[in-house]
Amino acid sequence: MRMETKQSLYDRLAKEKERLGGKALRFPKTKQELLDRKRWERIHIILTRRYEYGIDSYLDDMRRQDHFDEIATIKNIR
């Protein structure tokens, strides 16, 4: 008998969010689609607020844009 280690809450939430990501429609029509969407939104909020899930890529995009703006201003000065 093989004992599996228990996943952390973060891992379980991220796994569930990925699973629901393909099913959670933006505009649900049936009851099940609505339940999937609400569950996905709730998990997304928990991951974002508690674990800052997905924030790093957004911050990287902002830093990259700041870098591009800085390059543009330097080229305009010369």
C-alpha atoms as a PDB file:
ATOM      1  CA  MET A   1       0.000   0.000   0.000  1.00  0.00           C
ATOM      2  CA  ARG A   2       1.456   3.301  -1.099  1.00  0.00           C
ATOM      3  CA  MET A   3       1.013   6.383   1.091  1.00  0.00           C
ATOM      4  CA  GLU A   4       0.672   9.620  -0.817  1.00  0.00           C
ATOM      5  CA  THR A   5       1.619  12.881   0.789  1.00  0.00           C
ATOM      6  CA  LYS A   6      -1.135  15.400   1.224  1.00  0.00           C
ATOM      7  CA  GLN A   7      -1.010  18.317  -1.181  1.00  0.00           C
ATOM      8  CA  SER A   8      -0.912  21.833   0.193  1.00  0.00           C
ATOM      9  CA  LEU A   9      -4.013  23.993  -0.003  1.00  0.00           C
ATOM     10  CA  TYR A  10      -2.337  26.150  -2.643  1.00  0.00           C
ATOM     11  CA  ASP A  11      -1.587  23.132  -4.837  1.00  0.00           C
ATOM     12  CA  ARG A  12      -5.136  21.818  -4.524  1.00  0.00           C
ATOM     13  CA  LEU A  13      -6.645  25.226  -5.337  1.00  0.00           C
ATOM     14  CA  ALA A  14      -4.345  25.749  -8.321  1.00  0.00           C
ATOM     15  CA  LYS A  15      -5.155  22.269  -9.625  1.00  0.00           C
ATOM     16  CA  GLU A  16      -8.900  22.853  -9.248  1.00  0.00           C
ATOM     17  CA  LYS A  17      -8.638  26.257 -10.954  1.00  0.00           C
ATOM     18  CA  GLU A  18      -6.852  24.673 -13.917  1.00  0.00           C
ATOM     19  CA  ARG A  19      -9.475  21.919 -14.092  1.00  0.00           C
ATOM     20  CA  LEU A  20     -12.350  24.400 -14.027  1.00  0.00           C
ATOM     21  CA  GLY A  21     -10.585  26.812 -16.393  1.00  0.00           C
ATOM     22  CA  GLY A  22     -11.682  24.863 -19.435  1.00  0.00           C
ATOM     23  CA  LYS A  23     -15.256  24.413 -18.256  1.00  0.00           C
ATOM     24  CA  ALA A  24     -16.023  27.799 -16.700  1.00  0.00           C
ATOM     25  CA  LEU A  25     -17.687  29.770 -19.478  1.00  0.00           C
ATOM     26  CA  ARG A  26     -17.710  33.542 -19.408  1.00  0.00           C
ATOM     27  CA  PHE A  27     -21.440  33.603 -20.161  1.00  0.00           C
ATOM     28  CA  PRO A  28     -22.949  30.445 -18.625  1.00  0.00           C
ATOM     29  CA  LYS A  29     -26.355  29.282 -19.835  1.00  0.00           C
ATOM     30  CA  THR A  30     -27.114  26.187 -17.790  1.00  0.00           C
ATOM     31  CA  LYS A  31     -27.210  25.669 -14.057  1.00  0.00           C
ATOM     32  CA  GLN A  32     -24.073  23.499 -14.072  1.00  0.00           C
ATOM     33  CA  GLU A  33     -22.163  26.039 -16.165  1.00  0.00           C
ATOM     34  CA  LEU A  34     -23.157  28.762 -13.696  1.00  0.00           C
ATOM     35  CA  LEU A  35     -21.984  26.665 -10.746  1.00  0.00           C
ATOM     36  CA  ASP A  36     -18.656  25.972 -12.477  1.00  0.00           C
ATOM     37  CA  ARG A  37     -18.170  29.671 -13.214  1.00  0.00           C
ATOM     38  CA  LYS A  38     -18.954  30.734  -9.641  1.00  0.00           C
ATOM     39  CA  ARG A  39     -16.604  28.082  -8.254  1.00  0.00           C
ATOM     40  CA  TRP A  40     -13.835  29.183 -10.641  1.00  0.00           C
ATOM     41  CA  GLU A  41     -14.302  32.841  -9.650  1.00  0.00           C
ATOM     42  CA  ARG A  42     -14.198  31.984  -5.941  1.00  0.00           C
ATOM     43  CA  ILE A  43     -11.017  29.942  -6.324  1.00  0.00           C
ATOM     44  CA  HIS A  44      -9.460  32.704  -8.440  1.00  0.00           C
ATOM     45  CA  ILE A  45     -10.219  35.302  -5.750  1.00  0.00           C
ATOM     46  CA  ILE A  46      -8.753  33.113  -2.993  1.00  0.00           C
ATOM     47  CA  LEU A  47      -5.589  32.430  -4.991  1.00  0.00           C
ATOM     48  CA  THR A  48      -5.170  36.086  -5.936  1.00  0.00           C
ATOM     49  CA  ARG A  49      -5.756  37.570  -2.481  1.00  0.00           C
ATOM     50  CA  ARG A  50      -4.067  34.959  -0.336  1.00  0.00           C
ATOM     51  CA  TYR A  51      -1.253  33.747  -2.558  1.00  0.00           C
ATOM     52  CA  GLU A  52      -0.909  36.595  -5.109  1.00  0.00           C
ATOM     53  CA  TYR A  53      -1.483  34.008  -7.847  1.00  0.00           C
ATOM     54  CA  GLY A  54      -0.798  35.479 -11.281  1.00  0.00           C
ATOM     55  CA  ILE A  55       0.439  38.802  -9.899  1.00  0.00           C
ATOM     56  CA  ASP A  56       4.084  38.155 -10.872  1.00  0.00           C
ATOM     57  CA  SER A  57       3.370  38.005 -14.580  1.00  0.00           C
ATOM     58  CA  TYR A  58       1.324  41.226 -14.356  1.00  0.00           C
ATOM     59  CA  LEU A  59       4.135  42.981 -12.483  1.00  0.00           C
ATOM     60  CA  ASP A  60       6.663  41.724 -15.040  1.00  0.00           C
ATOM     61  CA  ASP A  61       4.528  43.190 -17.825  1.00  0.00           C
ATOM     62  CA  MET A  62       4.402  46.535 -16.003  1.00  0.00           C
ATOM     63  CA  ARG A  63       8.191  46.523 -15.482  1.00  0.00           C
ATOM     64  CA  ARG A  64       8.726  45.646 -19.136  1.00  0.00           C
ATOM     65  CA  GLN A  65       6.482  48.514 -20.231  1.00  0.00           C
ATOM     66  CA  ASP A  66       8.339  50.915 -17.911  1.00  0.00           C
ATOM     67  CA  HIS A  67      11.575  49.750 -19.499  1.00  0.00           C
ATOM     68  CA  PHE A  68      10.201  50.378 -22.998  1.00  0.00           C
ATOM     69  CA  ASP A  69       9.000  53.844 -21.949  1.00  0.00           C
ATOM     70  CA  GLU A  70      12.428  54.654 -20.554  1.00  0.00           C
ATOM     71  CA  ILE A  71      14.120  53.579 -23.779  1.00  0.00           C
ATOM     72  CA  ALA A  72      11.677  55.666 -25.821  1.00  0.00           C
ATOM     73  CA  THR A  73      12.349  58.799 -23.762  1.00  0.00           C
ATOM     74  CA  ILE A  74      16.122  58.314 -24.034  1.00  0.00           C
ATOM     75  CA  LYS A  75      15.877  57.965 -27.823  1.00  0.00           C
ATOM     76  CA  ASN A  76      13.732  61.105 -28.023  1.00  0.00           C
ATOM     77  CA  ILE A  77      16.216  63.130 -25.981  1.00  0.00           C
ATOM     78  CA  ARG A  78      19.146  62.366 -28.298  1.00  0.00           C
END
